[in-house]
């Protein structure tokens, strides 16, 4: 699937306010500080869930880091995200893009190194970016409430496991936009 750019009505938006707006996670600081600022407030981990936030470390051209929201799980080493303020061929800085492929290229399959789809080309990936992992919209120590997780397999969406209930509305909205409905 091709990446989809979404217009923001009042101009541009950066990654942090966008991630706050769509997840409800209320962390302060730039993207590169979210991981540490989430400690004691939100659960963190190294396995993606739809609706969780992938926290990128500060590095090279991303001196302030970055945050992106997991849209869906494609496989054990690929997810799609939506995020704001990530430039690429045909994508303006400050816009929101959806359905962006991200692949885990870490040695231990722990999502600490990823490559992100370049522009609208689903077969082209940029350089390797260091990440911390995923921040979940539930308090640290709280048990995860569950609902379905859908993944693409052989061209069809199938239920893989369960997703935390706070993300059910987001998952249904995301899947609904793809013409697929998730249910409990």
N, C-alpha and C. Protein backbone atom coordinates (compact mmCIF):
# COMPACT_ATOMS: atom_id res chain seq x y z
N UNK A 1 0.83 -1.18 0.00
CA UNK A 1 0.00 0.00 0.00
C UNK A 1 0.87 1.24 0.00
N UNK A 2 0.41 2.24 -0.64
CA UNK A 2 1.16 3.49 -0.71
C UNK A 2 0.89 4.34 0.53
N UNK A 3 1.87 5.14 0.88
CA UNK A 3 1.70 6.08 1.99
C UNK A 3 0.63 7.08 1.63
N UNK A 4 -0.07 7.56 2.64
CA UNK A 4 -1.11 8.54 2.42
C UNK A 4 -0.78 9.80 3.20
N UNK A 5 -0.76 10.94 2.52
CA UNK A 5 -0.54 12.22 3.19
C UNK A 5 -1.90 12.77 3.60
N UNK A 6 -1.97 13.35 4.77
CA UNK A 6 -3.20 13.92 5.30
C UNK A 6 -2.96 15.40 5.53
N UNK A 7 -3.86 16.24 5.07
CA UNK A 7 -3.71 17.69 5.27
C UNK A 7 -4.12 18.07 6.68
N UNK A 8 -3.37 18.97 7.28
CA UNK A 8 -3.72 19.54 8.58
C UNK A 8 -4.36 20.89 8.28
N UNK A 9 -5.61 21.11 8.73
CA UNK A 9 -6.34 22.32 8.35
C UNK A 9 -5.63 23.63 8.65
N UNK A 10 -4.93 23.75 9.77
CA UNK A 10 -4.34 25.04 10.15
C UNK A 10 -2.84 25.08 9.91
N UNK A 11 -2.38 24.53 8.85
CA UNK A 11 -0.95 24.60 8.57
C UNK A 11 -0.25 23.32 8.94
N UNK A 12 0.90 23.46 9.57
CA UNK A 12 1.72 22.28 9.85
C UNK A 12 1.62 21.86 11.31
N UNK A 13 2.06 20.63 11.56
CA UNK A 13 2.08 20.10 12.92
C UNK A 13 3.35 19.26 13.06
N UNK A 14 3.92 19.27 14.25
CA UNK A 14 5.10 18.45 14.48
C UNK A 14 4.68 17.12 15.13
N UNK A 15 5.64 16.22 15.26
CA UNK A 15 5.35 14.86 15.70
C UNK A 15 4.78 14.78 17.11
N UNK A 16 5.28 15.58 18.04
CA UNK A 16 4.85 15.47 19.44
C UNK A 16 3.39 15.87 19.63
N UNK A 17 2.95 17.05 19.20
CA UNK A 17 1.53 17.37 19.39
C UNK A 17 0.61 16.40 18.64
N UNK A 18 1.07 15.91 17.49
CA UNK A 18 0.26 14.95 16.75
C UNK A 18 0.11 13.66 17.54
N UNK A 19 1.20 13.12 18.07
CA UNK A 19 1.14 11.88 18.85
C UNK A 19 0.26 12.05 20.09
N UNK A 20 0.37 13.19 20.76
CA UNK A 20 -0.50 13.47 21.92
C UNK A 20 -1.97 13.47 21.50
N UNK A 21 -2.25 14.14 20.39
CA UNK A 21 -3.62 14.31 19.92
C UNK A 21 -4.28 12.96 19.59
N UNK A 22 -3.57 12.07 18.92
CA UNK A 22 -4.21 10.83 18.47
C UNK A 22 -4.14 9.69 19.47
N UNK A 23 -3.24 9.76 20.47
CA UNK A 23 -3.12 8.66 21.43
C UNK A 23 -3.66 9.01 22.81
N UNK A 24 -3.70 10.30 23.14
CA UNK A 24 -4.08 10.70 24.48
C UNK A 24 -2.93 10.63 25.47
N UNK A 25 -1.76 10.19 25.03
CA UNK A 25 -0.60 10.12 25.91
C UNK A 25 -0.11 11.54 26.16
N UNK A 26 0.02 11.89 27.42
CA UNK A 26 0.39 13.26 27.79
C UNK A 26 1.82 13.27 28.36
N UNK A 27 2.78 13.29 27.46
CA UNK A 27 4.19 13.36 27.85
C UNK A 27 4.72 14.70 27.36
N UNK A 28 5.58 15.32 28.16
CA UNK A 28 6.17 16.60 27.76
C UNK A 28 7.54 16.36 27.14
N UNK A 29 8.05 17.37 26.48
CA UNK A 29 9.38 17.31 25.88
C UNK A 29 9.33 16.95 24.41
N UNK A 30 10.50 16.98 23.78
CA UNK A 30 10.56 16.63 22.36
C UNK A 30 10.56 15.11 22.21
N UNK A 31 10.49 14.63 20.98
CA UNK A 31 10.40 13.19 20.73
C UNK A 31 11.53 12.39 21.35
N UNK A 32 12.73 12.93 21.34
CA UNK A 32 13.88 12.23 21.88
C UNK A 32 13.88 12.08 23.40
N UNK A 33 13.01 12.83 24.10
CA UNK A 33 12.94 12.74 25.55
C UNK A 33 11.71 11.96 26.03
N UNK A 34 10.82 11.59 25.13
CA UNK A 34 9.58 10.90 25.53
C UNK A 34 9.84 9.61 26.29
N UNK A 35 10.79 8.82 25.85
CA UNK A 35 11.04 7.52 26.50
C UNK A 35 11.34 7.71 27.98
N UNK A 36 12.30 8.56 28.28
CA UNK A 36 12.66 8.79 29.69
C UNK A 36 11.55 9.50 30.45
N UNK A 37 10.86 10.43 29.79
CA UNK A 37 9.78 11.15 30.45
C UNK A 37 8.56 10.27 30.72
N UNK A 38 8.45 9.14 30.01
CA UNK A 38 7.33 8.22 30.22
C UNK A 38 7.56 7.31 31.43
N UNK A 39 8.81 7.21 31.88
CA UNK A 39 9.14 6.32 33.01
C UNK A 39 8.29 6.67 34.23
N UNK A 40 7.67 5.66 34.82
CA UNK A 40 6.83 5.86 36.00
C UNK A 40 5.42 6.30 35.68
N UNK A 41 5.16 6.72 34.45
CA UNK A 41 3.83 7.18 34.05
C UNK A 41 3.12 6.20 33.12
N UNK A 42 3.84 5.74 32.12
CA UNK A 42 3.27 4.87 31.09
C UNK A 42 4.12 3.62 30.94
N UNK A 43 3.48 2.52 30.58
CA UNK A 43 4.23 1.30 30.29
C UNK A 43 5.06 1.49 29.03
N UNK A 44 6.22 0.86 29.02
CA UNK A 44 7.11 0.91 27.87
C UNK A 44 7.55 -0.51 27.55
N UNK A 45 7.86 -0.76 26.29
CA UNK A 45 8.31 -2.10 25.93
C UNK A 45 8.90 -2.16 24.54
N UNK A 46 9.28 -3.36 24.13
CA UNK A 46 9.92 -3.54 22.84
C UNK A 46 9.11 -4.40 21.88
N UNK A 47 7.80 -4.46 22.09
CA UNK A 47 6.91 -5.15 21.16
C UNK A 47 5.81 -4.18 20.76
N UNK A 48 5.65 -3.93 19.46
CA UNK A 48 4.65 -2.95 19.02
C UNK A 48 3.22 -3.42 19.25
N UNK A 49 2.36 -2.46 19.52
CA UNK A 49 0.91 -2.67 19.60
C UNK A 49 0.27 -1.52 18.83
N UNK A 50 -0.81 -1.77 18.10
CA UNK A 50 -1.51 -0.65 17.47
C UNK A 50 -1.88 0.39 18.52
N UNK A 51 -1.64 1.65 18.20
CA UNK A 51 -1.92 2.75 19.11
C UNK A 51 -0.77 3.11 20.02
N UNK A 52 0.28 2.30 20.07
CA UNK A 52 1.45 2.64 20.89
C UNK A 52 2.31 3.65 20.12
N UNK A 53 3.21 4.29 20.85
CA UNK A 53 4.08 5.30 20.25
C UNK A 53 5.50 4.74 20.15
N UNK A 54 6.05 4.76 18.94
CA UNK A 54 7.44 4.37 18.71
C UNK A 54 8.29 5.61 18.97
N UNK A 55 9.21 5.51 19.94
CA UNK A 55 10.05 6.64 20.33
C UNK A 55 11.43 6.50 19.69
N UNK A 56 11.78 7.46 18.82
CA UNK A 56 13.08 7.48 18.14
C UNK A 56 14.07 8.26 19.00
N UNK A 57 15.28 7.76 19.09
CA UNK A 57 16.35 8.47 19.80
C UNK A 57 16.80 9.68 18.98
N UNK A 58 17.39 10.63 19.65
CA UNK A 58 18.03 11.75 18.95
C UNK A 58 19.23 11.20 18.20
N UNK A 59 19.38 11.61 16.95
CA UNK A 59 20.51 11.13 16.15
C UNK A 59 20.68 12.01 14.93
N UNK A 60 21.87 12.02 14.38
CA UNK A 60 22.18 12.70 13.13
C UNK A 60 21.26 13.84 12.76
N UNK A 61 20.43 13.63 11.73
CA UNK A 61 19.52 14.67 11.25
C UNK A 61 18.29 14.84 12.12
N UNK A 62 18.15 14.01 13.16
CA UNK A 62 17.00 14.13 14.07
C UNK A 62 17.50 14.46 15.46
N UNK A 63 18.05 15.63 15.63
CA UNK A 63 18.66 15.97 16.91
C UNK A 63 17.66 16.06 18.06
N UNK A 64 16.35 16.23 17.74
CA UNK A 64 15.32 16.27 18.77
C UNK A 64 14.57 14.96 18.89
N UNK A 65 14.99 13.93 18.15
CA UNK A 65 14.28 12.66 18.16
C UNK A 65 13.00 12.75 17.37
N UNK A 66 12.13 11.76 17.54
CA UNK A 66 10.87 11.70 16.80
C UNK A 66 9.95 10.72 17.50
N UNK A 67 8.65 10.88 17.34
CA UNK A 67 7.67 9.91 17.80
C UNK A 67 6.69 9.64 16.68
N UNK A 68 6.23 8.39 16.60
CA UNK A 68 5.28 7.96 15.58
C UNK A 68 4.31 6.98 16.22
N UNK A 69 3.09 6.92 15.70
CA UNK A 69 2.05 6.07 16.25
C UNK A 69 1.91 4.80 15.41
N UNK A 70 1.91 3.65 16.08
CA UNK A 70 1.77 2.38 15.38
C UNK A 70 0.33 2.25 14.87
N UNK A 71 0.22 2.00 13.59
CA UNK A 71 -1.09 1.84 12.96
C UNK A 71 -1.51 0.37 12.95
N UNK A 72 -0.63 -0.50 12.47
CA UNK A 72 -0.95 -1.93 12.47
C UNK A 72 0.33 -2.75 12.41
N UNK A 73 0.19 -4.02 12.81
CA UNK A 73 1.28 -4.98 12.72
C UNK A 73 1.15 -5.69 11.39
N UNK A 74 2.23 -5.74 10.63
CA UNK A 74 2.24 -6.44 9.36
C UNK A 74 2.86 -7.82 9.54
N UNK A 75 3.95 -7.88 10.28
CA UNK A 75 4.64 -9.13 10.60
C UNK A 75 5.45 -8.91 11.87
N UNK A 76 6.20 -9.90 12.29
CA UNK A 76 7.01 -9.77 13.51
C UNK A 76 8.06 -8.67 13.38
N UNK A 77 8.42 -8.32 12.16
CA UNK A 77 9.46 -7.31 11.96
C UNK A 77 9.01 -6.15 11.09
N UNK A 78 7.71 -5.99 10.89
CA UNK A 78 7.22 -4.85 10.11
C UNK A 78 5.91 -4.35 10.70
N UNK A 79 5.82 -3.02 10.79
CA UNK A 79 4.60 -2.34 11.23
C UNK A 79 4.31 -1.23 10.24
N UNK A 80 3.10 -0.68 10.31
CA UNK A 80 2.85 0.59 9.63
C UNK A 80 2.57 1.61 10.72
N UNK A 81 2.94 2.84 10.43
CA UNK A 81 2.79 3.94 11.38
C UNK A 81 2.07 5.10 10.70
N UNK A 82 1.64 6.04 11.52
CA UNK A 82 1.27 7.36 11.04
C UNK A 82 1.98 8.35 11.95
N UNK A 83 2.42 9.45 11.35
CA UNK A 83 3.21 10.43 12.11
C UNK A 83 3.17 11.77 11.40
N UNK A 84 3.72 12.76 12.05
CA UNK A 84 3.75 14.12 11.49
C UNK A 84 5.18 14.62 11.40
N UNK A 85 5.38 15.51 10.45
CA UNK A 85 6.64 16.25 10.34
C UNK A 85 7.83 15.38 9.96
N UNK A 86 7.63 14.44 9.05
CA UNK A 86 8.72 13.60 8.54
C UNK A 86 8.80 13.87 7.06
N UNK A 87 9.86 14.51 6.63
CA UNK A 87 10.01 14.84 5.21
C UNK A 87 10.42 13.62 4.40
N UNK A 88 10.10 13.68 3.13
CA UNK A 88 10.51 12.64 2.20
C UNK A 88 10.11 13.06 0.80
N UNK A 89 10.51 12.30 -0.20
CA UNK A 89 10.13 12.64 -1.58
C UNK A 89 8.61 12.77 -1.71
N UNK A 90 8.17 13.95 -2.10
CA UNK A 90 6.74 14.20 -2.28
C UNK A 90 5.99 14.47 -0.99
N UNK A 91 6.68 14.53 0.15
CA UNK A 91 6.02 14.77 1.44
C UNK A 91 6.63 16.02 2.06
N UNK A 92 5.77 17.00 2.32
CA UNK A 92 6.25 18.25 2.91
C UNK A 92 6.41 18.14 4.41
N UNK A 93 7.40 18.83 4.92
CA UNK A 93 7.62 18.91 6.37
C UNK A 93 6.36 19.51 7.01
N UNK A 94 5.97 18.96 8.14
CA UNK A 94 4.81 19.49 8.86
C UNK A 94 3.49 18.80 8.52
N UNK A 95 3.50 17.88 7.57
CA UNK A 95 2.27 17.17 7.22
C UNK A 95 2.20 15.84 7.97
N UNK A 96 1.02 15.27 7.99
CA UNK A 96 0.79 13.96 8.58
C UNK A 96 0.79 12.93 7.46
N UNK A 97 1.48 11.83 7.66
CA UNK A 97 1.44 10.74 6.70
C UNK A 97 0.99 9.47 7.41
N UNK A 98 0.23 8.66 6.69
CA UNK A 98 -0.32 7.41 7.21
C UNK A 98 0.19 6.25 6.38
N UNK A 99 0.06 5.06 6.93
CA UNK A 99 0.40 3.84 6.21
C UNK A 99 1.87 3.82 5.77
N UNK A 100 2.75 4.25 6.66
CA UNK A 100 4.18 4.26 6.41
C UNK A 100 4.78 2.97 6.98
N UNK A 101 5.48 2.23 6.14
CA UNK A 101 6.08 0.98 6.58
C UNK A 101 7.36 1.26 7.38
N UNK A 102 7.52 0.52 8.48
CA UNK A 102 8.73 0.58 9.31
C UNK A 102 9.16 -0.86 9.54
N UNK A 103 10.43 -1.14 9.31
CA UNK A 103 10.94 -2.50 9.52
C UNK A 103 11.98 -2.49 10.64
N UNK A 104 11.91 -3.53 11.46
CA UNK A 104 12.86 -3.73 12.55
C UNK A 104 14.12 -4.35 11.95
N UNK A 105 15.25 -3.67 12.09
CA UNK A 105 16.52 -4.19 11.59
C UNK A 105 17.51 -4.44 12.73
N UNK A 106 16.99 -4.47 13.97
CA UNK A 106 17.85 -4.72 15.12
C UNK A 106 18.32 -6.17 15.12
N UNK A 107 19.51 -6.40 15.64
CA UNK A 107 20.07 -7.75 15.70
C UNK A 107 19.23 -8.70 16.55
N UNK A 108 18.64 -8.19 17.62
CA UNK A 108 17.89 -9.03 18.56
C UNK A 108 16.38 -8.98 18.37
N UNK A 109 15.91 -8.43 17.25
CA UNK A 109 14.47 -8.28 16.99
C UNK A 109 13.78 -7.59 18.16
N UNK A 110 14.40 -6.50 18.66
CA UNK A 110 13.83 -5.78 19.79
C UNK A 110 13.43 -4.35 19.44
N UNK A 111 13.39 -4.04 18.15
CA UNK A 111 12.94 -2.74 17.64
C UNK A 111 13.80 -1.58 18.13
N UNK A 112 15.07 -1.80 18.40
CA UNK A 112 15.96 -0.70 18.80
C UNK A 112 16.68 -0.08 17.60
N UNK A 113 16.44 -0.63 16.42
CA UNK A 113 16.97 -0.06 15.17
C UNK A 113 15.94 -0.34 14.08
N UNK A 114 15.53 0.73 13.38
CA UNK A 114 14.50 0.57 12.36
C UNK A 114 14.87 1.32 11.09
N UNK A 115 14.23 0.94 10.00
CA UNK A 115 14.31 1.69 8.75
C UNK A 115 12.88 2.07 8.39
N UNK A 116 12.72 3.31 7.91
CA UNK A 116 11.41 3.88 7.63
C UNK A 116 11.25 4.06 6.12
N UNK A 117 10.07 3.74 5.63
CA UNK A 117 9.74 3.91 4.22
C UNK A 117 10.05 5.34 3.78
N UNK A 118 10.61 5.48 2.60
CA UNK A 118 10.98 6.79 2.06
C UNK A 118 9.84 7.30 1.18
N UNK A 119 9.30 8.46 1.53
CA UNK A 119 8.26 9.08 0.71
C UNK A 119 7.07 8.17 0.51
N UNK A 120 6.54 8.16 -0.70
CA UNK A 120 5.38 7.34 -1.02
C UNK A 120 5.77 6.00 -1.62
N UNK A 121 7.05 5.71 -1.73
CA UNK A 121 7.54 4.48 -2.35
C UNK A 121 7.62 3.36 -1.31
N UNK A 122 6.69 2.41 -1.38
CA UNK A 122 6.64 1.35 -0.37
C UNK A 122 7.76 0.33 -0.50
N UNK A 123 8.59 0.45 -1.53
CA UNK A 123 9.70 -0.51 -1.68
C UNK A 123 11.05 0.13 -1.34
N UNK A 124 11.05 1.38 -0.91
CA UNK A 124 12.29 2.09 -0.63
C UNK A 124 12.34 2.52 0.84
N UNK A 125 13.46 2.21 1.50
CA UNK A 125 13.64 2.55 2.90
C UNK A 125 14.88 3.40 3.07
N UNK A 126 14.82 4.31 4.06
CA UNK A 126 15.95 5.19 4.34
C UNK A 126 16.97 4.53 5.24
N UNK A 127 17.79 5.37 5.86
CA UNK A 127 18.87 4.89 6.71
C UNK A 127 18.32 4.23 7.97
N UNK A 128 19.18 3.64 8.75
CA UNK A 128 18.80 3.02 10.02
C UNK A 128 18.71 4.09 11.10
N UNK A 129 17.60 4.07 11.85
CA UNK A 129 17.38 5.02 12.94
C UNK A 129 17.36 4.27 14.27
N UNK A 130 18.07 4.77 15.28
CA UNK A 130 18.00 4.13 16.61
C UNK A 130 16.70 4.53 17.32
N UNK A 131 16.09 3.58 18.00
CA UNK A 131 14.86 3.85 18.75
C UNK A 131 15.01 3.30 20.17
N UNK A 132 14.12 3.76 21.04
CA UNK A 132 14.06 3.24 22.41
C UNK A 132 13.12 2.04 22.48
N UNK A 133 11.98 2.14 21.82
CA UNK A 133 10.94 1.13 21.90
C UNK A 133 9.59 1.80 21.83
N UNK A 134 8.58 1.18 22.46
CA UNK A 134 7.19 1.61 22.35
C UNK A 134 6.65 2.05 23.70
N UNK A 135 5.87 3.13 23.66
CA UNK A 135 5.21 3.66 24.85
C UNK A 135 3.72 3.36 24.68
N UNK A 136 3.12 2.78 25.74
CA UNK A 136 1.72 2.35 25.68
C UNK A 136 0.85 3.27 26.54
N UNK A 137 -0.35 3.55 26.09
CA UNK A 137 -1.24 4.45 26.82
C UNK A 137 -1.95 3.70 27.94
N UNK A 138 -1.17 3.25 28.91
CA UNK A 138 -1.67 2.67 30.14
C UNK A 138 -0.59 2.91 31.20
N UNK A 139 -1.03 3.02 32.43
CA UNK A 139 -0.07 3.34 33.49
C UNK A 139 0.90 2.19 33.70
N UNK A 140 2.09 2.57 34.13
CA UNK A 140 3.11 1.57 34.42
C UNK A 140 2.58 0.64 35.50
N UNK A 141 2.68 -0.66 35.27
CA UNK A 141 2.21 -1.65 36.22
C UNK A 141 0.77 -2.09 36.00
N UNK A 142 0.02 -1.37 35.18
CA UNK A 142 -1.37 -1.76 34.92
C UNK A 142 -1.42 -2.93 33.95
N UNK A 143 -2.32 -3.89 34.18
CA UNK A 143 -2.43 -5.00 33.23
C UNK A 143 -3.02 -4.50 31.92
N UNK A 144 -2.57 -5.09 30.84
CA UNK A 144 -3.10 -4.72 29.53
C UNK A 144 -4.48 -5.33 29.36
N UNK A 145 -5.47 -4.47 29.03
CA UNK A 145 -6.79 -4.98 28.67
C UNK A 145 -6.71 -5.37 27.20
N UNK A 146 -7.41 -6.41 26.80
CA UNK A 146 -7.19 -6.96 25.47
C UNK A 146 -8.39 -6.82 24.54
N UNK A 147 -8.08 -6.76 23.24
CA UNK A 147 -9.03 -6.75 22.13
C UNK A 147 -8.27 -7.26 20.92
N UNK A 148 -8.85 -7.39 19.73
CA UNK A 148 -8.15 -8.04 18.60
C UNK A 148 -7.03 -7.19 18.00
N UNK A 149 -5.98 -7.87 17.52
CA UNK A 149 -4.93 -7.27 16.70
C UNK A 149 -5.03 -7.94 15.34
N UNK A 150 -5.08 -7.13 14.29
CA UNK A 150 -5.20 -7.64 12.94
C UNK A 150 -3.87 -7.46 12.22
N UNK A 151 -3.47 -8.47 11.45
CA UNK A 151 -2.27 -8.37 10.63
C UNK A 151 -2.59 -8.82 9.22
N UNK A 152 -1.81 -8.36 8.29
CA UNK A 152 -1.99 -8.77 6.91
C UNK A 152 -1.21 -10.05 6.66
N UNK A 153 -1.88 -11.05 6.10
CA UNK A 153 -1.23 -12.33 5.79
C UNK A 153 -1.80 -12.83 4.48
N UNK A 154 -0.94 -13.08 3.51
CA UNK A 154 -1.36 -13.54 2.19
C UNK A 154 -2.42 -12.63 1.58
N UNK A 155 -2.25 -11.33 1.78
CA UNK A 155 -3.14 -10.34 1.17
C UNK A 155 -4.44 -10.10 1.91
N UNK A 156 -4.68 -10.80 3.02
CA UNK A 156 -5.92 -10.61 3.78
C UNK A 156 -5.59 -10.27 5.22
N UNK A 157 -6.48 -9.53 5.86
CA UNK A 157 -6.30 -9.21 7.27
C UNK A 157 -6.83 -10.36 8.11
N UNK A 158 -6.01 -10.78 9.11
CA UNK A 158 -6.40 -11.87 9.99
C UNK A 158 -6.13 -11.47 11.43
N UNK A 159 -6.93 -12.01 12.35
CA UNK A 159 -6.70 -11.73 13.76
C UNK A 159 -5.47 -12.51 14.22
N UNK A 160 -4.54 -11.80 14.85
CA UNK A 160 -3.31 -12.42 15.31
C UNK A 160 -3.36 -12.68 16.81
N UNK A 161 -3.75 -11.67 17.56
CA UNK A 161 -3.75 -11.76 19.02
C UNK A 161 -4.76 -10.76 19.53
N UNK A 162 -4.42 -10.09 20.60
CA UNK A 162 -5.32 -9.11 21.17
C UNK A 162 -4.61 -7.79 21.38
N UNK A 163 -5.37 -6.71 21.31
CA UNK A 163 -4.83 -5.37 21.53
C UNK A 163 -5.47 -4.78 22.78
N UNK A 164 -4.80 -3.88 23.45
CA UNK A 164 -5.37 -3.23 24.62
C UNK A 164 -6.65 -2.48 24.25
N UNK A 165 -7.67 -2.59 25.09
CA UNK A 165 -8.96 -1.96 24.82
C UNK A 165 -8.89 -0.45 24.60
N UNK A 166 -8.02 0.31 25.31
CA UNK A 166 -7.99 1.75 25.04
C UNK A 166 -7.69 2.08 23.58
N UNK A 167 -7.10 1.15 22.87
CA UNK A 167 -6.74 1.39 21.48
C UNK A 167 -7.78 0.84 20.51
N UNK A 168 -8.85 0.22 21.03
CA UNK A 168 -9.84 -0.41 20.15
C UNK A 168 -10.47 0.60 19.20
N UNK A 169 -10.85 1.78 19.70
CA UNK A 169 -11.46 2.79 18.84
C UNK A 169 -10.49 3.22 17.75
N UNK A 170 -9.22 3.43 18.12
CA UNK A 170 -8.20 3.80 17.13
C UNK A 170 -8.04 2.70 16.08
N UNK A 171 -7.97 1.44 16.54
CA UNK A 171 -7.80 0.32 15.62
C UNK A 171 -8.98 0.25 14.66
N UNK A 172 -10.20 0.35 15.20
CA UNK A 172 -11.38 0.29 14.34
C UNK A 172 -11.39 1.43 13.34
N UNK A 173 -11.00 2.62 13.77
CA UNK A 173 -10.93 3.77 12.86
C UNK A 173 -9.90 3.53 11.77
N UNK A 174 -8.73 3.04 12.15
CA UNK A 174 -7.68 2.78 11.17
C UNK A 174 -8.09 1.69 10.19
N UNK A 175 -8.63 0.60 10.73
CA UNK A 175 -9.04 -0.50 9.86
C UNK A 175 -10.24 -0.10 9.02
N UNK A 176 -11.15 0.69 9.61
CA UNK A 176 -12.32 1.15 8.86
C UNK A 176 -11.92 1.95 7.64
N UNK A 177 -10.86 2.74 7.77
CA UNK A 177 -10.36 3.51 6.64
C UNK A 177 -9.80 2.64 5.54
N UNK A 178 -9.48 1.39 5.90
CA UNK A 178 -8.97 0.44 4.92
C UNK A 178 -10.08 -0.48 4.41
N UNK A 179 -11.33 -0.23 4.87
CA UNK A 179 -12.44 -1.06 4.45
C UNK A 179 -12.51 -2.37 5.22
N UNK A 180 -11.88 -2.42 6.40
CA UNK A 180 -11.85 -3.62 7.22
C UNK A 180 -12.39 -3.26 8.58
N UNK A 181 -13.17 -4.12 9.16
CA UNK A 181 -13.72 -3.83 10.49
C UNK A 181 -13.15 -4.80 11.51
N UNK A 182 -12.67 -4.29 12.60
CA UNK A 182 -12.20 -5.13 13.70
C UNK A 182 -13.34 -5.31 14.67
N UNK A 183 -13.39 -6.45 15.32
CA UNK A 183 -14.43 -6.67 16.32
C UNK A 183 -13.86 -7.49 17.45
N UNK A 184 -14.55 -7.43 18.58
CA UNK A 184 -14.15 -8.22 19.75
C UNK A 184 -14.81 -9.55 19.72
